[in-house]
């Protein structure tokens, strides 16, 4: 098997085509990432600004955001712009142009992040130019306030493909990923528990959500860090 065949992840693509989603363990993902870049990448989550657009009034979410054009596996960063979803896909925070702090260029240039970009480009059946959004999320479990990774509940993102990867769980329990159909059928649930654990999703076929997180020790900081990349054909 050639290096190109390995990078194409044919079994992963088959699973994605058959089930509409595919899981990947951190151990498997790390085989594809340069180990030298991971620690620096993970620590970039320590410098995220607050999400000030939470319609539920919560202050438990921090994030950064960036957009790219992707064509034939080449990612080109676009001028900073707002994140927008209609209420059809996000009934809580939809129909609002949400401006978040931009992802630091050093985070994008990090060798591990570049390898994640390449992995996604080869794992999803992308055709033509893609609009790509990168989200760094930190969900905090604070005293007196629950941490909600997906406060909108089970949802689709309104794109074509979604990549979700756990970066770190610190002093938290629960945070279970649930997978279902747009018609409301349950397809399964699992926990992204270790750094690098990931799921790839066909957004047309799959609803997804994550349950609330709670601090194991309420006296200590508690959070769940995740990377989300979305891909949509650029009209």
C-alpha atoms as a PDB file:
ATOM      1  CA  UNK A   1       0.000   0.000   0.000  1.00  0.00           C
ATOM      2  CA  UNK A   2       1.396   3.391  -0.975  1.00  0.00           C
ATOM      3  CA  UNK A   3       1.577   6.450   1.288  1.00  0.00           C
ATOM      4  CA  UNK A   4      -1.187   7.974  -0.815  1.00  0.00           C
ATOM      5  CA  UNK A   5      -3.462   4.985  -0.182  1.00  0.00           C
ATOM      6  CA  UNK A   6      -2.845   5.236   3.566  1.00  0.00           C
ATOM      7  CA  UNK A   7      -3.694   8.928   3.554  1.00  0.00           C
ATOM      8  CA  UNK A   8      -6.876   8.279   1.577  1.00  0.00           C
ATOM      9  CA  UNK A   9      -8.204   6.198   4.525  1.00  0.00           C
ATOM     10  CA  UNK A  10     -10.306   3.939   2.294  1.00  0.00           C
ATOM     11  CA  UNK A  11     -11.862   1.967   5.224  1.00  0.00           C
ATOM     12  CA  UNK A  12     -12.785   5.236   6.917  1.00  0.00           C
ATOM     13  CA  UNK A  13     -14.393   6.541   3.735  1.00  0.00           C
ATOM     14  CA  UNK A  14     -16.309   3.295   3.376  1.00  0.00           C
ATOM     15  CA  UNK A  15     -17.596   3.549   6.951  1.00  0.00           C
ATOM     16  CA  UNK A  16     -18.578   7.169   6.364  1.00  0.00           C
ATOM     17  CA  UNK A  17     -20.455   6.239   3.191  1.00  0.00           C
ATOM     18  CA  UNK A  18     -22.224   3.286   4.801  1.00  0.00           C
ATOM     19  CA  UNK A  19     -23.184   4.744   8.179  1.00  0.00           C
ATOM     20  CA  UNK A  20     -23.049   8.496   7.593  1.00  0.00           C
ATOM     21  CA  UNK A  21     -20.401   8.870  10.285  1.00  0.00           C
ATOM     22  CA  UNK A  22     -17.084   7.313  11.217  1.00  0.00           C
ATOM     23  CA  UNK A  23     -15.157   7.249  14.468  1.00  0.00           C
ATOM     24  CA  UNK A  24     -11.400   7.403  14.858  1.00  0.00           C
ATOM     25  CA  UNK A  25      -9.460   6.833  18.072  1.00  0.00           C
ATOM     26  CA  UNK A  26      -6.806   9.256  19.200  1.00  0.00           C
ATOM     27  CA  UNK A  27      -4.201   6.515  18.825  1.00  0.00           C
ATOM     28  CA  UNK A  28      -5.149   6.053  15.176  1.00  0.00           C
ATOM     29  CA  UNK A  29      -5.247   9.792  14.506  1.00  0.00           C
ATOM     30  CA  UNK A  30      -1.886  10.391  16.150  1.00  0.00           C
ATOM     31  CA  UNK A  31      -0.319   7.937  13.721  1.00  0.00           C
ATOM     32  CA  UNK A  32      -1.108  10.587  11.084  1.00  0.00           C
ATOM     33  CA  UNK A  33       0.105  13.621  13.039  1.00  0.00           C
ATOM     34  CA  UNK A  34       3.630  14.871  13.684  1.00  0.00           C
ATOM     35  CA  UNK A  35       4.109  14.412  17.424  1.00  0.00           C
ATOM     36  CA  UNK A  36       6.257  17.537  17.713  1.00  0.00           C
ATOM     37  CA  UNK A  37       3.342  19.877  17.051  1.00  0.00           C
ATOM     38  CA  UNK A  38       0.602  18.428  19.241  1.00  0.00           C
ATOM     39  CA  UNK A  39       1.505  19.918  22.636  1.00  0.00           C
ATOM     40  CA  UNK A  40       1.804  23.439  21.238  1.00  0.00           C
ATOM     41  CA  UNK A  41      -1.465  23.002  19.352  1.00  0.00           C
ATOM     42  CA  UNK A  42      -3.334  21.803  22.439  1.00  0.00           C
ATOM     43  CA  UNK A  43      -2.038  24.691  24.534  1.00  0.00           C
ATOM     44  CA  UNK A  44      -3.465  27.209  22.058  1.00  0.00           C
ATOM     45  CA  UNK A  45      -6.859  26.379  23.599  1.00  0.00           C
ATOM     46  CA  UNK A  46      -5.671  28.196  26.741  1.00  0.00           C
ATOM     47  CA  UNK A  47      -6.060  31.537  24.943  1.00  0.00           C
ATOM     48  CA  UNK A  48      -9.653  31.634  23.675  1.00  0.00           C
ATOM     49  CA  UNK A  49     -11.975  34.601  24.036  1.00  0.00           C
ATOM     50  CA  UNK A  50     -15.490  34.394  25.494  1.00  0.00           C
ATOM     51  CA  UNK A  51     -18.498  33.586  23.329  1.00  0.00           C
ATOM     52  CA  UNK A  52     -20.719  36.625  23.908  1.00  0.00           C
ATOM     53  CA  UNK A  53     -23.591  35.480  21.689  1.00  0.00           C
ATOM     54  CA  UNK A  54     -25.150  32.796  23.874  1.00  0.00           C
ATOM     55  CA  UNK A  55     -28.910  33.350  23.794  1.00  0.00           C
ATOM     56  CA  UNK A  56     -29.272  31.254  26.956  1.00  0.00           C
ATOM     57  CA  UNK A  57     -27.156  33.816  28.823  1.00  0.00           C
ATOM     58  CA  UNK A  58     -24.408  31.306  29.493  1.00  0.00           C
ATOM     59  CA  UNK A  59     -20.762  32.261  29.856  1.00  0.00           C
ATOM     60  CA  UNK A  60     -19.426  28.729  29.753  1.00  0.00           C
ATOM     61  CA  UNK A  61     -18.092  28.771  26.168  1.00  0.00           C
ATOM     62  CA  UNK A  62     -14.849  30.189  24.805  1.00  0.00           C
ATOM     63  CA  UNK A  63     -13.842  30.034  21.169  1.00  0.00           C
ATOM     64  CA  UNK A  64     -11.844  31.242  18.194  1.00  0.00           C
ATOM     65  CA  UNK A  65     -12.865  31.012  14.549  1.00  0.00           C
ATOM     66  CA  UNK A  66     -11.291  31.102  11.088  1.00  0.00           C
ATOM     67  CA  UNK A  67     -12.416  30.479   7.512  1.00  0.00           C
ATOM     68  CA  UNK A  68     -10.611  28.972   4.542  1.00  0.00           C
ATOM     69  CA  UNK A  69     -11.075  28.125   0.912  1.00  0.00           C
ATOM     70  CA  UNK A  70      -9.996  24.571   0.138  1.00  0.00           C
ATOM     71  CA  UNK A  71      -9.362  23.308  -3.368  1.00  0.00           C
ATOM     72  CA  UNK A  72      -7.563  20.084  -4.249  1.00  0.00           C
ATOM     73  CA  UNK A  73      -6.358  19.788  -0.663  1.00  0.00           C
ATOM     74  CA  UNK A  74      -4.873  23.288  -0.502  1.00  0.00           C
ATOM     75  CA  UNK A  75      -6.233  25.474   2.330  1.00  0.00           C
ATOM     76  CA  UNK A  76      -6.102  29.252   1.853  1.00  0.00           C
ATOM     77  CA  UNK A  77      -7.077  31.435   4.777  1.00  0.00           C
ATOM     78  CA  UNK A  78      -9.822  33.961   4.016  1.00  0.00           C
ATOM     79  CA  UNK A  79     -10.300  37.453   5.512  1.00  0.00           C
ATOM     80  CA  UNK A  80     -11.814  37.258   8.986  1.00  0.00           C
ATOM     81  CA  UNK A  81     -15.589  37.064   8.830  1.00  0.00           C
ATOM     82  CA  UNK A  82     -18.542  36.222  11.068  1.00  0.00           C
ATOM     83  CA  UNK A  83     -19.932  32.775  11.670  1.00  0.00           C
ATOM     84  CA  UNK A  84     -23.563  32.507  10.565  1.00  0.00           C
ATOM     85  CA  UNK A  85     -26.178  29.769  10.859  1.00  0.00           C
ATOM     86  CA  UNK A  86     -29.884  30.057  10.171  1.00  0.00           C
ATOM     87  CA  UNK A  87     -32.399  29.191  12.867  1.00  0.00           C
ATOM     88  CA  UNK A  88     -33.260  26.138  10.783  1.00  0.00           C
ATOM     89  CA  UNK A  89     -29.971  24.653  11.991  1.00  0.00           C
ATOM     90  CA  UNK A  90     -29.374  26.559  15.225  1.00  0.00           C
ATOM     91  CA  UNK A  91     -32.635  27.539  16.913  1.00  0.00           C
ATOM     92  CA  UNK A  92     -30.760  28.994  19.901  1.00  0.00           C
ATOM     93  CA  UNK A  93     -28.149  31.238  18.273  1.00  0.00           C
ATOM     94  CA  UNK A  94     -29.173  31.279  14.619  1.00  0.00           C
ATOM     95  CA  UNK A  95     -29.893  34.226  12.286  1.00  0.00           C
ATOM     96  CA  UNK A  96     -27.125  36.275  13.914  1.00  0.00           C
ATOM     97  CA  UNK A  97     -23.740  37.206  12.487  1.00  0.00           C
ATOM     98  CA  UNK A  98     -21.423  36.102  15.266  1.00  0.00           C
ATOM     99  CA  UNK A  99     -17.924  37.572  15.377  1.00  0.00           C
ATOM    100  CA  UNK A 100     -15.334  35.621  17.353  1.00  0.00           C
ATOM    101  CA  UNK A 101     -11.654  36.230  17.942  1.00  0.00           C
ATOM    102  CA  UNK A 102      -9.659  34.921  14.971  1.00  0.00           C
ATOM    103  CA  UNK A 103      -7.605  31.756  15.283  1.00  0.00           C
ATOM    104  CA  UNK A 104      -3.964  32.658  15.763  1.00  0.00           C
ATOM    105  CA  UNK A 105      -1.836  32.197  12.654  1.00  0.00           C
ATOM    106  CA  UNK A 106       0.652  30.181  14.667  1.00  0.00           C
ATOM    107  CA  UNK A 107      -2.126  27.712  15.479  1.00  0.00           C
ATOM    108  CA  UNK A 108      -2.970  27.332  11.802  1.00  0.00           C
ATOM    109  CA  UNK A 109       0.688  26.956  10.821  1.00  0.00           C
ATOM    110  CA  UNK A 110       1.276  24.322  13.515  1.00  0.00           C
ATOM    111  CA  UNK A 111       2.440  21.078  11.936  1.00  0.00           C
ATOM    112  CA  UNK A 112      -0.224  19.009  13.719  1.00  0.00           C
ATOM    113  CA  UNK A 113      -3.003  21.342  12.532  1.00  0.00           C
ATOM    114  CA  UNK A 114      -1.691  21.182   8.986  1.00  0.00           C
ATOM    115  CA  UNK A 115      -1.748  17.391   9.207  1.00  0.00           C
ATOM    116  CA  UNK A 116      -5.371  17.517  10.420  1.00  0.00           C
ATOM    117  CA  UNK A 117      -6.278  19.682   7.424  1.00  0.00           C
ATOM    118  CA  UNK A 118      -4.638  17.169   5.087  1.00  0.00           C
ATOM    119  CA  UNK A 119      -6.339  14.245   6.823  1.00  0.00           C
ATOM    120  CA  UNK A 120      -9.779  15.823   6.423  1.00  0.00           C
ATOM    121  CA  UNK A 121      -9.165  16.722   2.779  1.00  0.00           C
ATOM    122  CA  UNK A 122      -8.333  13.092   2.040  1.00  0.00           C
ATOM    123  CA  UNK A 123     -11.007  11.515   4.237  1.00  0.00           C
ATOM    124  CA  UNK A 124     -14.070  13.437   3.042  1.00  0.00           C
ATOM    125  CA  UNK A 125     -15.211  13.014  -0.592  1.00  0.00           C
ATOM    126  CA  UNK A 126     -14.717  16.679  -1.418  1.00  0.00           C
ATOM    127  CA  UNK A 127     -15.417  17.962  -4.912  1.00  0.00           C
ATOM    128  CA  UNK A 128     -14.469  21.396  -6.177  1.00  0.00           C
ATOM    129  CA  UNK A 129     -13.845  24.449  -4.050  1.00  0.00           C
ATOM    130  CA  UNK A 130     -14.886  24.170  -0.403  1.00  0.00           C
ATOM    131  CA  UNK A 131     -15.788  26.761   2.207  1.00  0.00           C
ATOM    132  CA  UNK A 132     -14.135  25.590   5.424  1.00  0.00           C
ATOM    133  CA  UNK A 133     -14.687  26.895   8.940  1.00  0.00           C
ATOM    134  CA  UNK A 134     -12.406  26.124  11.876  1.00  0.00           C
ATOM    135  CA  UNK A 135     -13.717  26.430  15.428  1.00  0.00           C
ATOM    136  CA  UNK A 136     -11.713  26.125  18.630  1.00  0.00           C
ATOM    137  CA  UNK A 137     -14.111  25.467  21.527  1.00  0.00           C
ATOM    138  CA  UNK A 138     -13.542  25.362  25.266  1.00  0.00           C
ATOM    139  CA  UNK A 139     -16.612  24.461  27.308  1.00  0.00           C
ATOM    140  CA  UNK A 140     -16.142  25.188  30.984  1.00  0.00           C
ATOM    141  CA  UNK A 141     -17.991  23.506  33.856  1.00  0.00           C
ATOM    142  CA  UNK A 142     -18.224  26.339  36.342  1.00  0.00           C
ATOM    143  CA  UNK A 143     -19.622  26.384  39.849  1.00  0.00           C
ATOM    144  CA  UNK A 144     -23.347  27.001  39.554  1.00  0.00           C
ATOM    145  CA  UNK A 145     -23.387  26.779  35.744  1.00  0.00           C
ATOM    146  CA  UNK A 146     -23.499  23.690  33.571  1.00  0.00           C
ATOM    147  CA  UNK A 147     -21.172  23.396  30.596  1.00  0.00           C
ATOM    148  CA  UNK A 148     -23.140  22.782  27.404  1.00  0.00           C
ATOM    149  CA  UNK A 149     -21.048  21.745  24.368  1.00  0.00           C
ATOM    150  CA  UNK A 150     -24.151  21.880  22.128  1.00  0.00           C
ATOM    151  CA  UNK A 151     -26.728  24.085  23.849  1.00  0.00           C
ATOM    152  CA  UNK A 152     -28.891  23.922  20.711  1.00  0.00           C
ATOM    153  CA  UNK A 153     -29.352  20.164  21.296  1.00  0.00           C
ATOM    154  CA  UNK A 154     -29.275  17.547  18.562  1.00  0.00           C
ATOM    155  CA  UNK A 155     -28.586  19.419  15.360  1.00  0.00           C
ATOM    156  CA  UNK A 156     -27.089  19.592  11.909  1.00  0.00           C
ATOM    157  CA  UNK A 157     -24.616  22.344  11.047  1.00  0.00           C
ATOM    158  CA  UNK A 158     -26.016  23.215   7.624  1.00  0.00           C
ATOM    159  CA  UNK A 159     -22.845  22.137   5.778  1.00  0.00           C
ATOM    160  CA  UNK A 160     -21.747  18.986   3.950  1.00  0.00           C
ATOM    161  CA  UNK A 161     -19.115  17.434   6.223  1.00  0.00           C
ATOM    162  CA  UNK A 162     -18.107  17.877   9.862  1.00  0.00           C
ATOM    163  CA  UNK A 163     -14.947  16.806  11.700  1.00  0.00           C
ATOM    164  CA  UNK A 164     -14.999  16.890  15.509  1.00  0.00           C
ATOM    165  CA  UNK A 165     -11.891  16.082  17.549  1.00  0.00           C
ATOM    166  CA  UNK A 166     -11.349  16.094  21.292  1.00  0.00           C
ATOM    167  CA  UNK A 167      -8.295  18.061  22.360  1.00  0.00           C
ATOM    168  CA  UNK A 168      -8.549  17.721  26.139  1.00  0.00           C
ATOM    169  CA  UNK A 169     -10.920  16.791  28.953  1.00  0.00           C
ATOM    170  CA  UNK A 170      -9.868  18.335  32.260  1.00  0.00           C
ATOM    171  CA  UNK A 171     -11.659  17.369  35.473  1.00  0.00           C
ATOM    172  CA  UNK A 172     -15.001  16.642  33.762  1.00  0.00           C
ATOM    173  CA  UNK A 173     -17.491  13.801  33.492  1.00  0.00           C
ATOM    174  CA  UNK A 174     -20.212  13.085  30.938  1.00  0.00           C
ATOM    175  CA  UNK A 175     -20.076  15.017  27.644  1.00  0.00           C
ATOM    176  CA  UNK A 176     -21.467  12.084  25.663  1.00  0.00           C
ATOM    177  CA  UNK A 177     -21.706  12.437  21.882  1.00  0.00           C
ATOM    178  CA  UNK A 178     -25.071  11.335  20.501  1.00  0.00           C
ATOM    179  CA  UNK A 179     -25.712  10.467  16.867  1.00  0.00           C
ATOM    180  CA  UNK A 180     -29.121  10.284  15.214  1.00  0.00           C
ATOM    181  CA  UNK A 181     -31.099  10.710  12.021  1.00  0.00           C
ATOM    182  CA  UNK A 182     -32.865  13.898  10.881  1.00  0.00           C
ATOM    183  CA  UNK A 183     -36.130  12.037  11.480  1.00  0.00           C
ATOM    184  CA  UNK A 184     -35.280  11.651  15.162  1.00  0.00           C
ATOM    185  CA  UNK A 185     -34.005   8.079  15.215  1.00  0.00           C
ATOM    186  CA  UNK A 186     -31.135   7.284  17.584  1.00  0.00           C
ATOM    187  CA  UNK A 187     -28.052   5.729  15.989  1.00  0.00           C
ATOM    188  CA  UNK A 188     -25.754   5.512  18.990  1.00  0.00           C
ATOM    189  CA  UNK A 189     -23.727   7.364  21.569  1.00  0.00           C
ATOM    190  CA  UNK A 190     -20.096   7.410  22.646  1.00  0.00           C
ATOM    191  CA  UNK A 191     -17.656   9.618  24.498  1.00  0.00           C
ATOM    192  CA  UNK A 192     -14.680  11.349  22.938  1.00  0.00           C
ATOM    193  CA  UNK A 193     -12.556  10.589  25.960  1.00  0.00           C
ATOM    194  CA  UNK A 194      -8.897  10.854  24.977  1.00  0.00           C
ATOM    195  CA  UNK A 195      -6.977  13.509  23.074  1.00  0.00           C
ATOM    196  CA  UNK A 196      -7.341  12.933  19.347  1.00  0.00           C
ATOM    197  CA  UNK A 197     -10.554  10.899  19.572  1.00  0.00           C
ATOM    198  CA  UNK A 198     -12.590  12.097  16.602  1.00  0.00           C
ATOM    199  CA  UNK A 199     -15.754  11.605  14.586  1.00  0.00           C
ATOM    200  CA  UNK A 200     -16.393  12.420  10.916  1.00  0.00           C
ATOM    201  CA  UNK A 201     -19.996  13.227   9.998  1.00  0.00           C
ATOM    202  CA  UNK A 202     -22.082  13.485   6.843  1.00  0.00           C
ATOM    203  CA  UNK A 203     -24.123  16.540   7.845  1.00  0.00           C
ATOM    204  CA  UNK A 204     -26.903  15.765   5.375  1.00  0.00           C
ATOM    205  CA  UNK A 205     -27.616  12.395   6.979  1.00  0.00           C
ATOM    206  CA  UNK A 206     -26.638  12.746  10.632  1.00  0.00           C
ATOM    207  CA  UNK A 207     -27.788  14.794  13.609  1.00  0.00           C
ATOM    208  CA  UNK A 208     -25.283  15.143  16.430  1.00  0.00           C
ATOM    209  CA  UNK A 209     -25.089  16.605  19.905  1.00  0.00           C
ATOM    210  CA  UNK A 210     -23.099  16.400  23.134  1.00  0.00           C
ATOM    211  CA  UNK A 211     -24.554  16.143  26.624  1.00  0.00           C
ATOM    212  CA  UNK A 212     -23.695  18.594  29.404  1.00  0.00           C
ATOM    213  CA  UNK A 213     -20.403  18.320  31.243  1.00  0.00           C
ATOM    214  CA  UNK A 214     -19.960  18.475  35.007  1.00  0.00           C
ATOM    215  CA  UNK A 215     -16.868  19.045  37.113  1.00  0.00           C
ATOM    216  CA  UNK A 216     -15.556  15.989  38.935  1.00  0.00           C
ATOM    217  CA  UNK A 217     -14.051  18.275  41.587  1.00  0.00           C
ATOM    218  CA  UNK A 218     -16.066  21.525  41.673  1.00  0.00           C
ATOM    219  CA  UNK A 219     -13.234  23.294  43.455  1.00  0.00           C
ATOM    220  CA  UNK A 220     -10.891  22.834  40.456  1.00  0.00           C
ATOM    221  CA  UNK A 221     -11.007  24.221  36.890  1.00  0.00           C
ATOM    222  CA  UNK A 222     -12.925  21.937  34.547  1.00  0.00           C
ATOM    223  CA  UNK A 223     -13.286  22.045  30.763  1.00  0.00           C
ATOM    224  CA  UNK A 224     -13.731  20.159  27.503  1.00  0.00           C
ATOM    225  CA  UNK A 225     -11.655  21.378  24.531  1.00  0.00           C
ATOM    226  CA  UNK A 226     -12.650  20.434  20.992  1.00  0.00           C
ATOM    227  CA  UNK A 227     -11.711  21.258  17.420  1.00  0.00           C
ATOM    228  CA  UNK A 228     -14.470  21.416  14.811  1.00  0.00           C
ATOM    229  CA  UNK A 229     -13.889  21.737  11.060  1.00  0.00           C
ATOM    230  CA  UNK A 230     -16.822  22.055   8.658  1.00  0.00           C
ATOM    231  CA  UNK A 231     -16.771  21.726   4.874  1.00  0.00           C
ATOM    232  CA  UNK A 232     -19.399  23.039   2.441  1.00  0.00           C
ATOM    233  CA  UNK A 233     -19.262  23.176  -1.341  1.00  0.00           C
ATOM    234  CA  UNK A 234     -18.612  26.778  -2.326  1.00  0.00           C
ATOM    235  CA  UNK A 235     -21.448  27.881  -4.540  1.00  0.00           C
END
